[in-house]
N, C-alpha and C. Protein backbone atom coordinates (compact mmCIF):
# COMPACT_ATOMS: atom_id res chain seq x y z
N MET A 1 1.00 61.86 -2.25
CA MET A 1 1.35 61.23 -3.18
C MET A 1 2.38 60.31 -2.77
N ARG A 2 3.03 60.78 -1.82
CA ARG A 2 4.01 59.55 -1.40
C ARG A 2 3.74 58.33 -0.61
N ARG A 3 2.72 58.77 0.16
CA ARG A 3 1.60 57.56 0.77
C ARG A 3 1.13 56.62 -0.36
N TYR A 4 0.91 56.74 -1.64
CA TYR A 4 0.35 56.32 -2.55
C TYR A 4 1.34 55.20 -3.20
N LEU A 5 2.51 55.89 -3.14
CA LEU A 5 3.86 55.14 -3.76
C LEU A 5 4.13 54.15 -2.46
N ILE A 6 4.13 54.22 -1.56
CA ILE A 6 4.39 53.32 -0.77
C ILE A 6 3.73 52.45 -0.60
N ILE A 7 2.07 52.32 -0.69
CA ILE A 7 1.30 51.48 -0.74
C ILE A 7 1.47 50.87 -1.80
N ILE A 8 1.82 51.21 -2.96
CA ILE A 8 2.16 50.48 -4.30
C ILE A 8 3.08 49.73 -3.94
N SER A 9 4.17 50.28 -3.43
CA SER A 9 5.32 49.08 -3.52
C SER A 9 5.22 48.22 -2.44
N LEU A 10 4.75 48.41 -1.48
CA LEU A 10 4.02 47.03 -0.49
C LEU A 10 3.00 46.00 -1.23
N LEU A 11 2.40 46.64 -1.82
CA LEU A 11 1.39 45.70 -2.85
C LEU A 11 2.25 44.84 -3.72
N ALA A 12 3.09 45.42 -4.37
CA ALA A 12 4.27 44.87 -5.42
C ALA A 12 4.91 43.86 -4.65
N LEU A 13 5.06 44.27 -3.62
CA LEU A 13 5.90 43.25 -2.74
C LEU A 13 5.30 41.70 -2.31
N THR A 14 4.45 42.39 -1.94
CA THR A 14 3.60 40.94 -1.69
C THR A 14 3.04 40.36 -2.53
N ALA A 15 2.87 40.68 -3.88
CA ALA A 15 2.28 40.11 -4.93
C ALA A 15 3.56 38.96 -5.25
N CYS A 16 4.86 39.60 -5.29
CA CYS A 16 5.92 39.12 -5.74
C CYS A 16 6.22 37.80 -4.95
N ASN A 17 5.79 38.17 -3.56
CA ASN A 17 6.37 36.94 -2.54
C ASN A 17 5.36 35.49 -2.95
N SER A 18 4.12 36.38 -2.85
CA SER A 18 3.37 35.02 -3.11
C SER A 18 3.15 34.52 -4.56
N SER A 19 3.97 34.96 -5.75
CA SER A 19 3.85 34.36 -6.87
C SER A 19 5.26 33.50 -6.62
N THR A 20 6.14 33.73 -5.94
CA THR A 20 7.62 32.75 -5.55
C THR A 20 6.97 31.55 -4.83
N GLU A 21 6.17 31.75 -3.93
CA GLU A 21 5.53 30.64 -2.99
C GLU A 21 4.78 29.56 -4.36
N GLN A 22 3.79 30.48 -5.01
CA GLN A 22 3.01 29.75 -5.81
C GLN A 22 3.89 28.98 -6.58
N ASN A 23 5.26 29.52 -7.32
CA ASN A 23 6.11 29.01 -8.29
C ASN A 23 6.75 27.45 -7.47
N LYS A 24 7.02 27.63 -6.55
CA LYS A 24 7.73 26.42 -5.54
C LYS A 24 6.79 25.52 -5.48
N GLN A 25 5.48 25.77 -5.18
CA GLN A 25 4.36 24.32 -5.44
C GLN A 25 4.16 24.03 -6.75
N THR A 26 4.49 25.06 -7.81
CA THR A 26 4.39 24.31 -9.60
C THR A 26 5.61 23.26 -9.71
N ASP A 27 6.94 23.94 -9.35
CA ASP A 27 8.05 23.23 -9.39
C ASP A 27 8.17 21.80 -8.94
N SER A 28 7.78 21.48 -7.83
CA SER A 28 7.62 20.39 -7.37
C SER A 28 6.84 19.11 -8.03
N LYS A 29 5.91 19.79 -9.08
CA LYS A 29 5.30 18.78 -9.99
C LYS A 29 6.22 18.50 -11.35
N LEU A 30 7.19 19.16 -11.37
CA LEU A 30 7.89 19.35 -12.40
C LEU A 30 8.95 17.80 -12.88
N LEU A 31 9.39 17.22 -13.92
CA LEU A 31 10.01 16.46 -13.88
C LEU A 31 11.62 16.74 -13.79
N PRO A 32 12.35 15.93 -12.85
CA PRO A 32 13.58 16.26 -12.45
C PRO A 32 14.52 16.59 -14.03
N THR A 33 15.36 17.70 -14.12
CA THR A 33 15.84 18.03 -15.33
C THR A 33 17.04 16.91 -16.05
N ASN A 34 17.29 15.90 -15.31
CA ASN A 34 18.04 14.91 -15.58
C ASN A 34 17.40 14.08 -16.85
N LEU A 35 16.26 13.96 -16.83
CA LEU A 35 15.42 13.31 -17.98
C LEU A 35 15.23 13.91 -19.03
N VAL A 36 15.77 15.46 -18.96
CA VAL A 36 16.01 15.75 -20.02
C VAL A 36 17.46 15.84 -20.68
N ASP A 37 17.98 15.17 -21.89
CA ASP A 37 19.28 15.46 -22.24
C ASP A 37 19.35 15.73 -23.51
N ASN A 38 20.39 17.08 -23.83
CA ASN A 38 20.33 17.38 -25.55
C ASN A 38 21.74 17.00 -25.63
N PRO A 39 21.84 15.98 -26.19
CA PRO A 39 22.98 15.75 -27.10
C PRO A 39 23.71 16.52 -28.08
N TYR A 40 23.28 17.81 -28.70
CA TYR A 40 23.91 18.81 -29.36
C TYR A 40 24.70 19.86 -28.38
N THR A 41 25.81 20.03 -28.68
CA THR A 41 26.84 20.94 -28.53
C THR A 41 27.16 21.93 -28.96
N ALA A 42 27.86 22.97 -28.35
CA ALA A 42 28.53 24.20 -29.36
C ALA A 42 29.42 23.14 -30.55
N ASN A 43 30.23 21.97 -29.88
CA ASN A 43 31.26 21.44 -30.62
C ASN A 43 30.41 20.50 -31.79
N GLY A 44 29.08 20.44 -31.59
CA GLY A 44 28.64 19.47 -32.58
C GLY A 44 27.86 18.43 -31.85
N LEU A 45 27.65 17.25 -32.50
CA LEU A 45 26.53 16.03 -31.87
C LEU A 45 27.61 14.93 -31.01
N ASP A 46 27.29 14.85 -29.59
CA ASP A 46 27.88 13.95 -28.57
C ASP A 46 27.31 12.50 -28.76
N THR A 47 27.92 12.08 -29.51
CA THR A 47 27.51 10.50 -30.10
C THR A 47 27.30 9.47 -28.97
N ALA A 48 28.21 9.78 -27.87
CA ALA A 48 27.71 8.95 -26.86
C ALA A 48 26.55 9.12 -25.96
N ALA A 49 26.21 10.47 -25.93
CA ALA A 49 25.15 11.26 -25.39
C ALA A 49 23.63 10.67 -26.49
N MET A 50 23.83 10.66 -27.45
CA MET A 50 22.78 9.91 -28.32
C MET A 50 22.64 9.10 -28.18
N LYS A 51 23.51 8.05 -28.22
CA LYS A 51 23.41 6.46 -27.76
C LYS A 51 22.58 6.40 -26.72
N ALA A 52 22.75 7.36 -25.69
CA ALA A 52 22.13 7.11 -24.01
C ALA A 52 20.61 7.26 -24.00
N LYS A 53 20.23 7.92 -25.24
CA LYS A 53 18.96 8.61 -25.13
C LYS A 53 17.84 7.14 -25.25
N PRO A 54 16.65 8.23 -24.54
CA PRO A 54 15.63 6.48 -24.76
C PRO A 54 15.29 6.38 -26.20
N THR A 55 14.39 5.14 -26.51
CA THR A 55 13.86 5.11 -27.94
C THR A 55 12.16 4.82 -27.46
N MET A 56 11.60 5.40 -28.43
CA MET A 56 10.04 4.81 -28.56
C MET A 56 9.61 4.01 -29.93
N ASP A 57 9.94 2.78 -29.53
CA ASP A 57 10.05 1.88 -30.67
C ASP A 57 8.62 1.27 -30.83
N PHE A 58 7.62 1.51 -31.84
CA PHE A 58 6.74 0.99 -32.01
C PHE A 58 6.42 -0.27 -32.81
N LYS A 59 5.69 -1.21 -32.28
CA LYS A 59 5.20 -2.38 -33.00
C LYS A 59 4.93 -2.10 -34.46
N ASP A 60 3.99 -1.15 -34.76
CA ASP A 60 3.25 -0.59 -35.95
C ASP A 60 3.03 1.33 -35.29
N THR A 61 2.93 1.81 -36.66
CA THR A 61 2.89 3.01 -36.60
C THR A 61 1.36 3.37 -37.22
N LEU A 62 0.63 2.62 -38.13
CA LEU A 62 -0.54 2.79 -39.00
C LEU A 62 -1.35 1.45 -38.37
N HIS A 63 -2.71 1.85 -38.28
CA HIS A 63 -3.52 1.04 -38.04
C HIS A 63 -4.83 1.52 -38.93
N ASP A 64 -5.47 0.49 -39.82
CA ASP A 64 -6.68 0.66 -40.64
C ASP A 64 -7.91 0.13 -39.73
N PHE A 65 -8.95 0.85 -39.39
CA PHE A 65 -10.15 0.41 -38.85
C PHE A 65 -11.09 -0.59 -39.82
N GLY A 66 -10.68 -0.13 -41.28
CA GLY A 66 -11.48 -0.66 -42.31
C GLY A 66 -12.90 0.19 -42.26
N SER A 67 -14.00 -0.77 -42.57
CA SER A 67 -15.41 0.33 -42.72
C SER A 67 -16.26 0.49 -41.45
N ILE A 68 -16.22 1.39 -41.22
CA ILE A 68 -17.05 1.58 -39.83
C ILE A 68 -18.37 2.76 -40.26
N HIS A 69 -19.35 2.54 -39.06
CA HIS A 69 -20.56 3.33 -39.39
C HIS A 69 -20.34 4.98 -38.92
N GLU A 70 -20.68 5.56 -39.57
CA GLU A 70 -20.76 7.18 -38.60
C GLU A 70 -21.38 7.20 -37.62
N GLY A 71 -20.59 7.66 -36.74
CA GLY A 71 -21.23 7.72 -35.17
C GLY A 71 -20.26 7.10 -34.44
N GLU A 72 -19.71 5.91 -35.03
CA GLU A 72 -19.05 5.08 -33.93
C GLU A 72 -17.55 5.94 -33.42
N THR A 73 -17.20 5.30 -32.27
CA THR A 73 -16.23 5.64 -32.05
C THR A 73 -15.18 4.34 -31.53
N VAL A 74 -14.15 4.40 -32.22
CA VAL A 74 -13.27 3.13 -32.37
C VAL A 74 -11.94 3.30 -31.66
N GLU A 75 -11.23 2.58 -31.49
CA GLU A 75 -9.77 2.99 -30.64
C GLU A 75 -9.15 1.43 -31.00
N TYR A 76 -7.77 2.23 -30.76
CA TYR A 76 -6.73 1.24 -31.00
C TYR A 76 -5.35 1.11 -30.19
N ASP A 77 -4.38 0.13 -29.52
CA ASP A 77 -3.89 0.68 -28.65
C ASP A 77 -2.45 0.24 -29.44
N PHE A 78 -1.42 1.43 -30.11
CA PHE A 78 -0.35 1.33 -30.54
C PHE A 78 0.73 0.92 -29.07
N GLU A 79 1.33 -0.46 -29.61
CA GLU A 79 2.03 -0.64 -28.42
C GLU A 79 3.54 -0.31 -28.78
N TYR A 80 4.67 0.23 -27.93
CA TYR A 80 5.87 0.73 -27.94
C TYR A 80 6.70 0.40 -27.00
N LYS A 81 7.91 0.41 -27.03
CA LYS A 81 8.94 0.02 -26.05
C LYS A 81 10.04 0.82 -26.23
N ASN A 82 10.69 1.10 -24.92
CA ASN A 82 11.92 1.87 -24.82
C ASN A 82 13.19 1.30 -24.45
N ASN A 83 14.00 1.03 -25.68
CA ASN A 83 14.89 0.66 -26.00
C ASN A 83 16.12 1.09 -25.70
N GLY A 84 16.26 2.48 -25.28
CA GLY A 84 17.16 3.02 -24.83
C GLY A 84 17.85 2.95 -23.34
N LYS A 85 18.74 4.14 -23.07
CA LYS A 85 19.05 3.61 -21.65
C LYS A 85 18.99 4.50 -20.57
N ASN A 86 18.08 5.50 -20.64
CA ASN A 86 17.56 6.19 -20.20
C ASN A 86 15.93 6.15 -19.94
N PRO A 87 15.42 6.70 -19.26
CA PRO A 87 13.58 6.82 -19.32
C PRO A 87 13.13 7.48 -20.27
N LEU A 88 12.11 7.43 -20.74
CA LEU A 88 11.57 7.94 -21.83
C LEU A 88 10.10 8.65 -21.20
N VAL A 89 10.19 10.12 -21.80
CA VAL A 89 9.18 10.80 -21.11
C VAL A 89 8.53 11.22 -22.03
N ILE A 90 7.17 11.17 -22.10
CA ILE A 90 6.28 11.65 -23.17
C ILE A 90 5.65 12.93 -22.84
N THR A 91 6.33 14.11 -23.41
CA THR A 91 5.66 15.54 -23.14
C THR A 91 4.20 15.63 -23.55
N SER A 92 3.76 15.22 -24.95
CA SER A 92 2.21 15.33 -25.37
C SER A 92 2.77 14.57 -26.34
N ALA A 93 0.72 14.09 -26.56
CA ALA A 93 0.28 13.19 -27.92
C ALA A 93 -0.77 13.85 -28.31
N ALA A 94 -1.00 14.64 -29.72
CA ALA A 94 -2.02 15.39 -29.71
C ALA A 94 -2.77 15.07 -31.54
N GLY A 95 -3.86 14.40 -31.33
CA GLY A 95 -4.57 14.39 -32.63
C GLY A 95 -4.58 15.36 -33.86
N SER A 96 -4.94 15.17 -34.73
CA SER A 96 -4.82 16.04 -36.05
C SER A 96 -6.01 16.80 -36.32
N CYS A 97 -7.25 16.39 -35.33
CA CYS A 97 -8.48 16.88 -35.02
C CYS A 97 -8.90 16.52 -33.88
N GLY A 98 -9.98 17.48 -33.63
CA GLY A 98 -10.71 17.12 -32.44
C GLY A 98 -11.26 15.70 -32.33
N CYS A 99 -11.47 15.30 -33.40
CA CYS A 99 -12.13 13.65 -33.53
C CYS A 99 -11.21 12.61 -33.07
N THR A 100 -9.95 12.92 -32.99
CA THR A 100 -8.87 12.08 -32.52
C THR A 100 -7.86 12.02 -31.48
N ILE A 101 -8.31 11.23 -30.68
CA ILE A 101 -7.67 11.62 -28.99
C ILE A 101 -6.50 10.46 -28.85
N ALA A 102 -5.49 10.68 -28.02
CA ALA A 102 -4.15 9.85 -27.71
C ALA A 102 -4.31 9.95 -26.18
N ASP A 103 -4.67 8.56 -25.82
CA ASP A 103 -4.46 8.85 -23.98
C ASP A 103 -2.97 7.63 -23.77
N TYR A 104 -2.17 8.17 -22.84
CA TYR A 104 -0.87 7.53 -22.53
C TYR A 104 -0.54 7.91 -21.03
N ALA A 105 0.40 6.74 -20.70
CA ALA A 105 0.65 7.06 -19.16
C ALA A 105 1.68 8.47 -19.26
N HIS A 106 1.56 9.01 -18.01
CA HIS A 106 2.14 10.28 -18.11
C HIS A 106 3.70 10.11 -17.02
N GLU A 107 4.02 8.75 -16.83
CA GLU A 107 4.93 8.56 -15.65
C GLU A 107 6.29 8.22 -16.67
N PRO A 108 7.18 8.65 -16.56
CA PRO A 108 8.52 7.93 -17.28
C PRO A 108 8.62 6.71 -17.50
N VAL A 109 9.00 6.06 -18.77
CA VAL A 109 9.05 4.47 -19.01
C VAL A 109 10.41 4.16 -18.86
N ALA A 110 10.42 3.46 -18.04
CA ALA A 110 12.08 2.65 -17.76
C ALA A 110 12.67 2.15 -19.09
N PRO A 111 13.90 2.24 -19.15
CA PRO A 111 14.70 1.33 -19.95
C PRO A 111 13.99 0.18 -20.18
N GLY A 112 13.91 -0.72 -21.17
CA GLY A 112 13.32 -2.12 -21.63
C GLY A 112 12.15 -2.42 -20.94
N LYS A 113 11.10 -1.42 -20.75
CA LYS A 113 9.80 -1.55 -20.46
C LYS A 113 9.14 -1.05 -21.45
N GLY A 114 7.94 -0.76 -21.33
CA GLY A 114 6.96 -0.59 -22.53
C GLY A 114 5.84 0.12 -22.27
N GLY A 115 4.95 0.45 -23.14
CA GLY A 115 3.57 1.03 -22.90
C GLY A 115 2.66 1.10 -23.96
N LEU A 116 1.33 1.28 -23.74
CA LEU A 116 0.61 1.61 -24.60
C LEU A 116 0.04 2.89 -24.91
N MET A 117 -0.11 3.44 -26.12
CA MET A 117 -0.69 4.88 -26.71
C MET A 117 -2.03 4.50 -27.37
N LYS A 118 -2.97 4.79 -26.65
CA LYS A 118 -4.33 4.53 -26.89
C LYS A 118 -4.92 5.71 -27.98
N VAL A 119 -5.42 5.10 -29.13
CA VAL A 119 -5.91 6.42 -30.23
C VAL A 119 -7.23 6.01 -30.29
N LYS A 120 -7.96 6.76 -29.89
CA LYS A 120 -9.64 6.92 -30.06
C LYS A 120 -9.74 8.02 -31.22
N PHE A 121 -10.87 7.31 -32.01
CA PHE A 121 -11.49 8.24 -33.26
C PHE A 121 -12.87 8.00 -33.00
N ASN A 122 -13.53 9.45 -33.13
CA ASN A 122 -15.07 9.22 -33.08
C ASN A 122 -15.18 9.94 -34.60
N SER A 123 -16.19 9.29 -35.43
CA SER A 123 -16.59 9.18 -36.65
C SER A 123 -18.05 10.13 -37.10
N ALA A 124 -18.40 10.65 -35.91
CA ALA A 124 -19.43 11.35 -35.99
C ALA A 124 -19.08 12.55 -36.94
N SER A 125 -19.82 12.55 -37.84
CA SER A 125 -19.76 13.96 -39.01
C SER A 125 -18.94 13.67 -39.65
N LYS A 126 -18.43 12.30 -40.13
CA LYS A 126 -16.80 12.21 -40.63
C LYS A 126 -17.20 11.13 -41.95
N PRO A 127 -18.36 11.50 -42.71
CA PRO A 127 -18.59 10.32 -43.43
C PRO A 127 -17.43 9.89 -44.93
N GLY A 128 -17.17 8.93 -45.12
CA GLY A 128 -16.32 8.63 -46.56
C GLY A 128 -14.88 8.65 -45.91
N HIS A 129 -13.98 8.60 -46.64
CA HIS A 129 -12.44 7.64 -46.30
C HIS A 129 -11.61 8.79 -45.25
N GLN A 130 -10.87 8.83 -43.94
CA GLN A 130 -10.66 9.13 -43.37
C GLN A 130 -9.16 8.95 -43.00
N GLU A 131 -8.40 9.46 -43.08
CA GLU A 131 -6.72 9.57 -42.35
C GLU A 131 -6.89 10.39 -41.39
N LYS A 132 -6.23 10.06 -40.15
CA LYS A 132 -6.02 10.82 -39.24
C LYS A 132 -4.35 10.96 -38.77
N THR A 133 -3.93 11.70 -37.79
CA THR A 133 -2.43 11.56 -37.28
C THR A 133 -2.44 11.59 -36.19
N VAL A 134 -1.46 11.26 -35.17
CA VAL A 134 -1.19 11.52 -34.00
C VAL A 134 0.43 12.31 -33.76
N THR A 135 0.76 13.05 -33.48
CA THR A 135 1.93 13.85 -33.07
C THR A 135 2.36 13.52 -31.67
N ILE A 136 3.51 12.59 -31.41
CA ILE A 136 4.04 12.51 -30.51
C ILE A 136 5.20 13.36 -30.18
N ILE A 137 5.59 13.86 -28.83
CA ILE A 137 6.85 14.72 -28.48
C ILE A 137 7.28 14.47 -27.39
N THR A 138 8.51 13.68 -27.20
CA THR A 138 9.33 12.81 -26.27
C THR A 138 10.63 13.47 -26.21
N ASN A 139 11.50 12.87 -25.10
CA ASN A 139 12.97 13.09 -24.92
C ASN A 139 13.67 11.81 -25.73
N SER A 140 13.13 11.10 -26.68
CA SER A 140 13.60 9.97 -27.48
C SER A 140 14.66 10.59 -28.29
N ASN A 141 15.26 9.90 -28.52
CA ASN A 141 16.63 10.07 -30.04
C ASN A 141 15.41 10.73 -31.30
N LYS A 142 14.18 10.25 -31.38
CA LYS A 142 13.82 10.82 -32.78
C LYS A 142 13.05 12.42 -32.07
N GLY A 143 12.80 12.41 -30.95
CA GLY A 143 12.11 13.73 -30.40
C GLY A 143 10.66 13.41 -30.99
N THR A 144 10.17 13.73 -31.97
CA THR A 144 8.96 13.75 -32.32
C THR A 144 8.62 12.52 -33.39
N GLN A 145 7.44 11.76 -33.17
CA GLN A 145 7.01 10.74 -33.85
C GLN A 145 5.67 10.74 -34.13
N MET A 146 5.25 10.00 -35.24
CA MET A 146 3.98 9.97 -35.84
C MET A 146 3.11 8.93 -35.85
N LEU A 147 2.04 8.54 -35.30
CA LEU A 147 1.31 7.18 -35.42
C LEU A 147 0.10 8.02 -36.44
N PHE A 148 -0.37 6.65 -37.49
CA PHE A 148 -1.36 6.98 -38.62
C PHE A 148 -2.83 5.97 -38.32
N ILE A 149 -3.78 6.68 -38.65
CA ILE A 149 -4.72 5.86 -38.40
C ILE A 149 -5.96 6.22 -39.78
N LYS A 150 -6.48 5.01 -40.13
CA LYS A 150 -7.56 5.36 -41.14
C LYS A 150 -8.83 4.80 -40.65
N ALA A 151 -9.86 5.02 -41.81
CA ALA A 151 -11.02 4.34 -41.65
C ALA A 151 -11.98 4.73 -43.01
N GLU A 152 -12.86 3.90 -43.71
CA GLU A 152 -13.92 4.06 -44.40
C GLU A 152 -15.29 4.26 -43.67
N VAL A 153 -15.29 5.26 -43.41
CA VAL A 153 -16.89 5.71 -42.62
C VAL A 153 -18.10 5.90 -43.54
N ILE A 154 -18.77 4.60 -43.16
CA ILE A 154 -20.33 4.51 -44.03
C ILE A 154 -21.34 5.26 -43.64
N LYS A 155 -21.56 6.32 -44.07
CA LYS A 155 -22.55 7.29 -43.92
C LYS A 155 -23.89 7.26 -43.89
N LYS A 156 -24.69 7.20 -42.58
CA LYS A 156 -25.75 6.92 -42.14
C LYS A 156 -26.65 7.07 -42.97
């Protein structure tokens, strides 16, 4: 019985060590913590920190594809700019359903620079009036933002 406890203990130690090595490799791929800043403190809002946060300012947040034929895949590039004082990090951009996909640069966007959020809509099996959203999560002053697309899909 004692022999089994020793063997189990050694296996557990080995597993913990390999897990620690794996975490070190994963940690090197993470963003630096100085890109994520929370302006809310125990004393309330730190207005200086809030003013220093990045922004994600879009030229437009709604695009109407008009009439398209069922089965077509259409796309639109939403243009944005970081007018803040720190780098903008986009954590995720998710469509409201599987037919809507957002693609974006995964590197931080420097202050004064901009980028494109490419939104694709697949109209297969979606006849009629369609309205879809893309929810974007960032380290910006707003945190979460929404983009909207719509189309009138003509049935086959």
